[in-house]
Protein backbone atom coordinates (compact mmCIF):
# COMPACT_ATOMS: atom_id res chain seq x y z
CA MET A 1 97.97 147.08 78.45
CA THR A 2 97.04 149.74 76.86
CA PHE A 3 95.02 151.29 79.65
CA LYS A 4 98.35 150.54 81.99
CA LEU A 5 100.78 152.60 79.84
CA LEU A 6 98.37 155.04 79.40
CA MET A 7 98.16 155.39 83.31
CA THR A 8 101.69 154.87 84.00
CA SER A 9 102.61 158.27 82.42
CA PHE A 10 100.84 160.21 84.93
CA ILE A 11 103.09 158.64 87.86
CA HIS A 12 106.13 161.04 88.21
CA LYS A 13 109.33 160.22 91.25
CA LYS A 14 109.90 163.10 93.79
CA LEU A 15 112.74 164.87 92.51
CA SER A 16 115.09 166.34 95.65
CA PRO A 17 115.29 170.20 95.74
CA ALA A 18 118.78 170.45 97.18
CA LYS A 19 120.05 168.31 93.07
CA ALA A 20 121.13 170.41 90.78
CA LEU A 21 119.72 169.34 87.01
CA PRO A 22 123.00 167.99 85.89
CA GLU A 23 122.92 165.49 88.59
CA ILE A 24 119.58 164.46 88.37
CA LEU A 25 120.01 163.78 84.82
CA ARG A 26 123.00 161.39 84.99
CA GLU A 27 121.60 159.53 88.09
CA GLU A 28 118.48 158.80 85.91
CA ARG A 29 120.00 157.51 83.65
CA LEU A 30 122.41 155.80 85.65
CA LYS A 31 119.52 153.66 87.88
CA ALA A 32 117.40 153.69 83.92
CA ASN A 33 121.14 151.51 83.24
CA LEU A 34 120.88 153.21 79.88
CA SER A 35 123.97 155.48 78.17
CA LEU A 36 124.14 158.30 76.02
CA ASP A 37 123.53 156.44 73.08
CA GLU A 38 120.59 154.70 73.71
CA VAL A 39 119.45 157.64 75.42
CA SER A 40 119.84 159.83 72.20
CA PHE A 41 117.90 156.71 70.06
CA LYS A 42 115.04 157.17 72.82
CA THR A 43 114.60 161.00 72.77
CA GLN A 44 116.10 161.66 69.23
CA ILE A 45 118.82 164.62 71.52
CA ILE A 46 122.19 164.53 69.99
CA ILE A 47 124.37 163.00 72.11
CA LYS A 48 126.56 166.36 72.86
CA TYR A 49 123.58 167.74 73.80
CA LEU A 50 122.78 165.36 76.27
CA GLU A 51 126.51 165.16 77.65
CA ALA A 52 126.18 169.37 77.83
CA LEU A 53 123.05 168.94 79.86
CA GLU A 54 124.58 166.19 82.48
CA LYS A 55 127.51 168.89 82.59
CA GLY A 56 125.52 172.17 83.40
CA ALA A 57 126.99 173.21 80.12
CA TYR A 58 124.46 175.20 79.09
CA GLU A 59 126.11 177.71 77.00
CA GLN A 60 126.34 175.00 74.68
CA LEU A 61 122.94 174.24 74.04
CA PRO A 62 121.10 175.74 70.49
CA GLY A 63 118.89 177.71 72.26
CA GLU A 64 115.95 178.04 74.78
CA ILE A 65 113.00 176.56 72.58
CA TYR A 66 115.22 173.41 71.87
CA ASN A 67 116.63 173.18 75.50
CA LYS A 68 113.13 173.06 76.58
CA GLN A 69 112.12 170.29 74.38
CA PHE A 70 115.25 168.52 75.24
CA ILE A 71 114.46 168.64 78.65
CA LYS A 72 110.61 167.67 78.30
CA ARG A 73 111.89 164.54 76.31
CA LEU A 74 114.32 163.30 79.20
CA ALA A 75 111.37 164.17 82.02
CA LYS A 76 109.08 161.80 79.98
CA LEU A 77 111.72 159.23 79.92
CA TYR A 78 113.02 159.36 82.86
CA SER A 79 109.13 159.53 84.22
CA LEU A 80 109.90 162.93 85.88
CA ALA A 81 107.51 165.93 86.75
CA GLU A 82 108.35 168.15 83.99
CA LYS A 83 107.32 171.56 84.98
CA THR A 84 109.81 170.70 88.33
CA LEU A 85 112.05 169.46 85.99
CA LEU A 86 112.12 172.89 83.56
CA LYS A 87 111.82 175.21 86.99
CA ILE A 88 114.87 173.81 88.31
CA TYR A 89 116.58 174.46 84.95
CA GLN A 90 115.78 178.14 84.77
CA GLU A 91 116.50 178.89 88.20
CA GLU A 92 120.28 177.38 87.19
CA LYS A 93 120.48 179.07 84.12
CA GLU A 94 119.52 182.38 85.77
CA SER A 95 122.29 181.89 88.34
CA GLN A 96 124.85 181.37 85.41
CA LEU A 97 123.37 184.38 84.24
CA SER A 98 123.92 186.24 87.69
CA PHE A 99 127.49 184.89 88.09
CA GLN A 100 128.61 186.37 84.79
CA GLU A 101 126.91 189.50 85.37
CA LEU A 102 129.06 190.03 88.42
CA LEU A 103 132.11 189.25 86.34
CA ALA A 104 131.44 191.65 84.47
CA LYS A 105 131.09 194.57 86.75
CA ALA A 106 134.26 192.96 88.70
CA PRO A 107 137.28 195.63 88.94
CA LYS A 108 139.37 196.05 85.96
CA THR A 109 143.24 196.83 85.77
CA PRO A 110 144.31 200.72 86.47
CA LYS A 111 144.54 202.38 83.45
CA HIS A 112 148.44 202.89 84.54
CA LYS A 113 149.15 199.56 84.95
CA MET A 114 147.51 198.54 81.56
CA PHE A 115 149.44 201.09 79.35
CA LYS A 116 152.76 199.67 80.65
CA TRP A 117 152.29 196.92 78.42
CA LEU A 118 151.17 199.22 75.17
CA GLU A 119 154.86 200.27 74.26
CA PRO A 120 155.81 201.17 70.49
CA LYS A 121 157.19 197.73 69.93
CA THR A 122 154.48 195.59 71.50
CA LEU A 123 151.88 197.86 69.33
CA ARG A 124 153.27 197.03 66.31
CA LEU A 125 153.53 193.62 66.92
CA ILE A 126 150.31 193.64 68.00
CA PHE A 127 148.55 195.25 65.00
CA ILE A 128 150.69 193.04 62.74
CA ALA A 129 149.45 189.55 64.22
CA LEU A 130 145.53 191.14 64.53
CA PRO A 131 144.83 190.43 61.19
CA ILE A 132 146.80 187.20 60.84
CA ILE A 133 144.92 185.86 64.00
CA GLY A 134 141.09 186.88 62.74
CA CYS A 135 141.54 185.57 59.29
CA LEU A 136 142.72 182.35 60.84
CA ILE A 137 139.47 182.46 63.73
CA TYR A 138 137.42 183.42 60.58
CA LEU A 139 138.71 180.52 58.14
CA SER A 140 138.52 178.27 61.61
CA PHE A 141 135.04 179.08 61.74
CA GLU A 142 133.89 178.63 58.17
CA ILE A 143 135.84 175.07 57.74
CA ILE A 144 133.86 173.60 60.72
CA ASN A 145 130.60 175.18 59.61
CA ILE A 146 131.40 173.85 56.19
CA PHE A 147 132.07 170.24 57.64
CA THR A 148 130.08 170.10 61.00
CA PRO A 149 126.79 167.95 60.69
CA PRO A 150 123.58 169.68 60.48
CA LEU A 151 121.04 170.36 63.38
CA LEU A 152 118.30 168.02 63.17
CA VAL A 153 115.78 167.81 65.73
CA ILE A 154 112.58 165.66 65.12
CA ASN A 155 109.66 167.30 67.70
CA SER A 156 106.96 165.09 66.63
CA PRO A 157 106.75 161.80 66.52
CA MET A 158 108.40 160.40 69.27
CA SER A 159 110.57 157.66 67.55
CA GLN A 160 108.84 153.80 68.84
CA THR A 161 104.94 155.07 68.84
CA ILE A 162 101.89 152.88 67.99
CA THR A 163 98.98 154.01 66.34
CA PRO A 164 96.16 153.05 64.42
CA ALA A 165 96.32 155.72 61.98
CA ALA A 166 96.52 155.68 58.28
CA ASN A 167 98.97 158.10 57.88
CA ILE A 168 101.56 160.15 60.59
CA LYS A 169 102.98 163.54 60.49
CA ILE A 170 106.90 164.47 61.18
CA ILE A 171 107.23 167.73 62.57
CA GLY A 172 111.30 168.94 62.77
CA GLN A 173 113.85 171.55 62.99
CA THR A 174 117.02 171.38 60.46
CA GLU A 175 119.52 174.41 59.36
CA PRO A 176 118.02 176.35 56.39
CA GLU A 177 121.07 174.87 54.32
CA ALA A 178 120.51 171.71 55.12
CA ILE A 179 119.27 168.96 52.62
CA LEU A 180 116.57 166.86 53.77
CA LEU A 181 115.67 163.52 53.38
CA ILE A 182 113.05 161.18 54.37
CA ASN A 183 113.63 157.28 53.32
CA HIS A 184 115.94 158.89 50.31
CA GLN A 185 113.46 161.48 49.31
CA LYS A 186 113.98 165.19 49.21
CA ILE A 187 112.00 167.02 51.45
CA LEU A 188 112.17 171.00 51.00
CA PRO A 189 112.20 172.81 54.71
CA GLU A 190 110.87 176.00 55.22
CA PRO A 191 113.55 179.06 54.91
CA ASN A 192 114.22 178.87 58.81
CA GLY A 193 114.79 174.72 58.87
CA ALA A 194 111.06 173.84 59.73
CA PHE A 195 109.53 171.07 58.24
CA THR A 196 106.22 169.25 58.38
CA GLN A 197 106.00 166.08 56.42
CA THR A 198 102.34 163.94 56.18
CA LEU A 199 103.61 159.93 55.57
CA ASP A 200 100.95 157.36 54.93
CA LEU A 201 101.71 154.01 57.17
CA THR A 202 101.49 150.41 56.56
CA MET A 203 100.09 147.74 58.68
CA GLY A 204 102.63 146.74 60.74
CA LEU A 205 106.44 148.06 61.61
CA ASN A 206 107.02 151.10 59.49
CA ILE A 207 110.78 152.74 59.33
CA PHE A 208 111.68 155.84 58.65
CA GLU A 209 115.19 157.28 57.95
CA ILE A 210 115.62 161.30 58.32
CA SER A 211 118.60 162.75 57.36
CA ALA A 212 120.22 166.44 57.13
CA LYS A 213 123.68 166.87 55.35
CA LYS A 214 125.48 170.51 54.18
CA LYS A 215 126.89 170.51 51.09
CA HIS A 216 130.57 169.07 52.19
CA SER A 217 129.48 167.71 56.23
CA LYS A 218 128.83 164.35 57.05
CA ALA A 219 124.72 163.89 57.44
CA SER A 220 123.01 163.90 60.67
CA SER A 221 120.86 160.83 60.89
CA ILE A 222 117.38 159.77 63.42
CA THR A 223 115.51 156.83 63.06
CA LEU A 224 111.98 156.71 63.10
CA SER A 225 110.08 153.35 64.41
CA ILE A 226 106.41 153.47 64.10
CA LEU A 227 103.88 150.40 64.28
CA ARG A 228 100.47 150.65 62.82
CA GLN A 229 97.95 148.11 63.97
CA ALA A 230 94.34 147.81 64.70
CA ALA A 231 92.46 148.76 67.34
CA ALA A 232 90.09 146.24 68.97
CA ALA A 233 86.59 147.56 69.04
CA ASN A 234 87.17 148.08 72.88
CA GLU A 235 90.58 149.83 72.60
CA ILE A 236 88.88 152.83 70.36
CA ASN A 237 88.48 155.28 72.59
CA LEU A 238 91.84 154.78 73.89
CA LEU A 239 94.02 154.63 71.19
CA GLU A 240 92.51 157.84 69.23
CA ARG A 241 96.14 159.48 69.61
CA PRO A 242 99.52 157.49 69.14
CA ILE A 243 101.00 156.72 72.23
CA SER A 244 105.00 155.78 73.04
CA PHE A 245 106.20 152.70 73.94
CA ARG A 246 109.50 151.66 75.46
């Protein structure tokens, strides 16, 4: 059975070059009869980022490093070719940037038409309103930042992992100011928010609750299920490293 799990990980579905990445991801999720909540649990990707990927709203994603990790996890979940999926994403991202550059180069309204609206009365109102609007925007962003749950990503291991090892290393990323807990024990992340923690495993099922929380925000939580089992003599070579099951 272990051998079959290892073999199936190399079988990838063919992708249609005519389809966009959001269409591919949505179709594969629906074919697998999975909700966004279930995909989030299996891949440890926050739901709002899954929604952004399925809409093609790449500007709503956290950054290229995380974006590519998300696509790799989804490729693994849906048994898709990782390189092909990343290539489609890169082409679409470049197309979006090109379109934005074209908009920036579009002809602007002639100055004489613009100046028509810049009468003294209008200018006074603008100068009065701008500081007020600026303060409101700043306060809004500060309030959102305070109460929004921090980013929490687990890069390794995948949840629902089987391993014969006596311990496992949890590698992830959160925000620098976040308070990080693993099974209610405080973990100190690096200045950039990255963290690595090696934890002992008992025989059987091990559950790790990982949470990150800012001072006044709600917590971002991820649950890892790691199964430690003894390796049979004829399976030792196959189980030298952890594998994931679904």
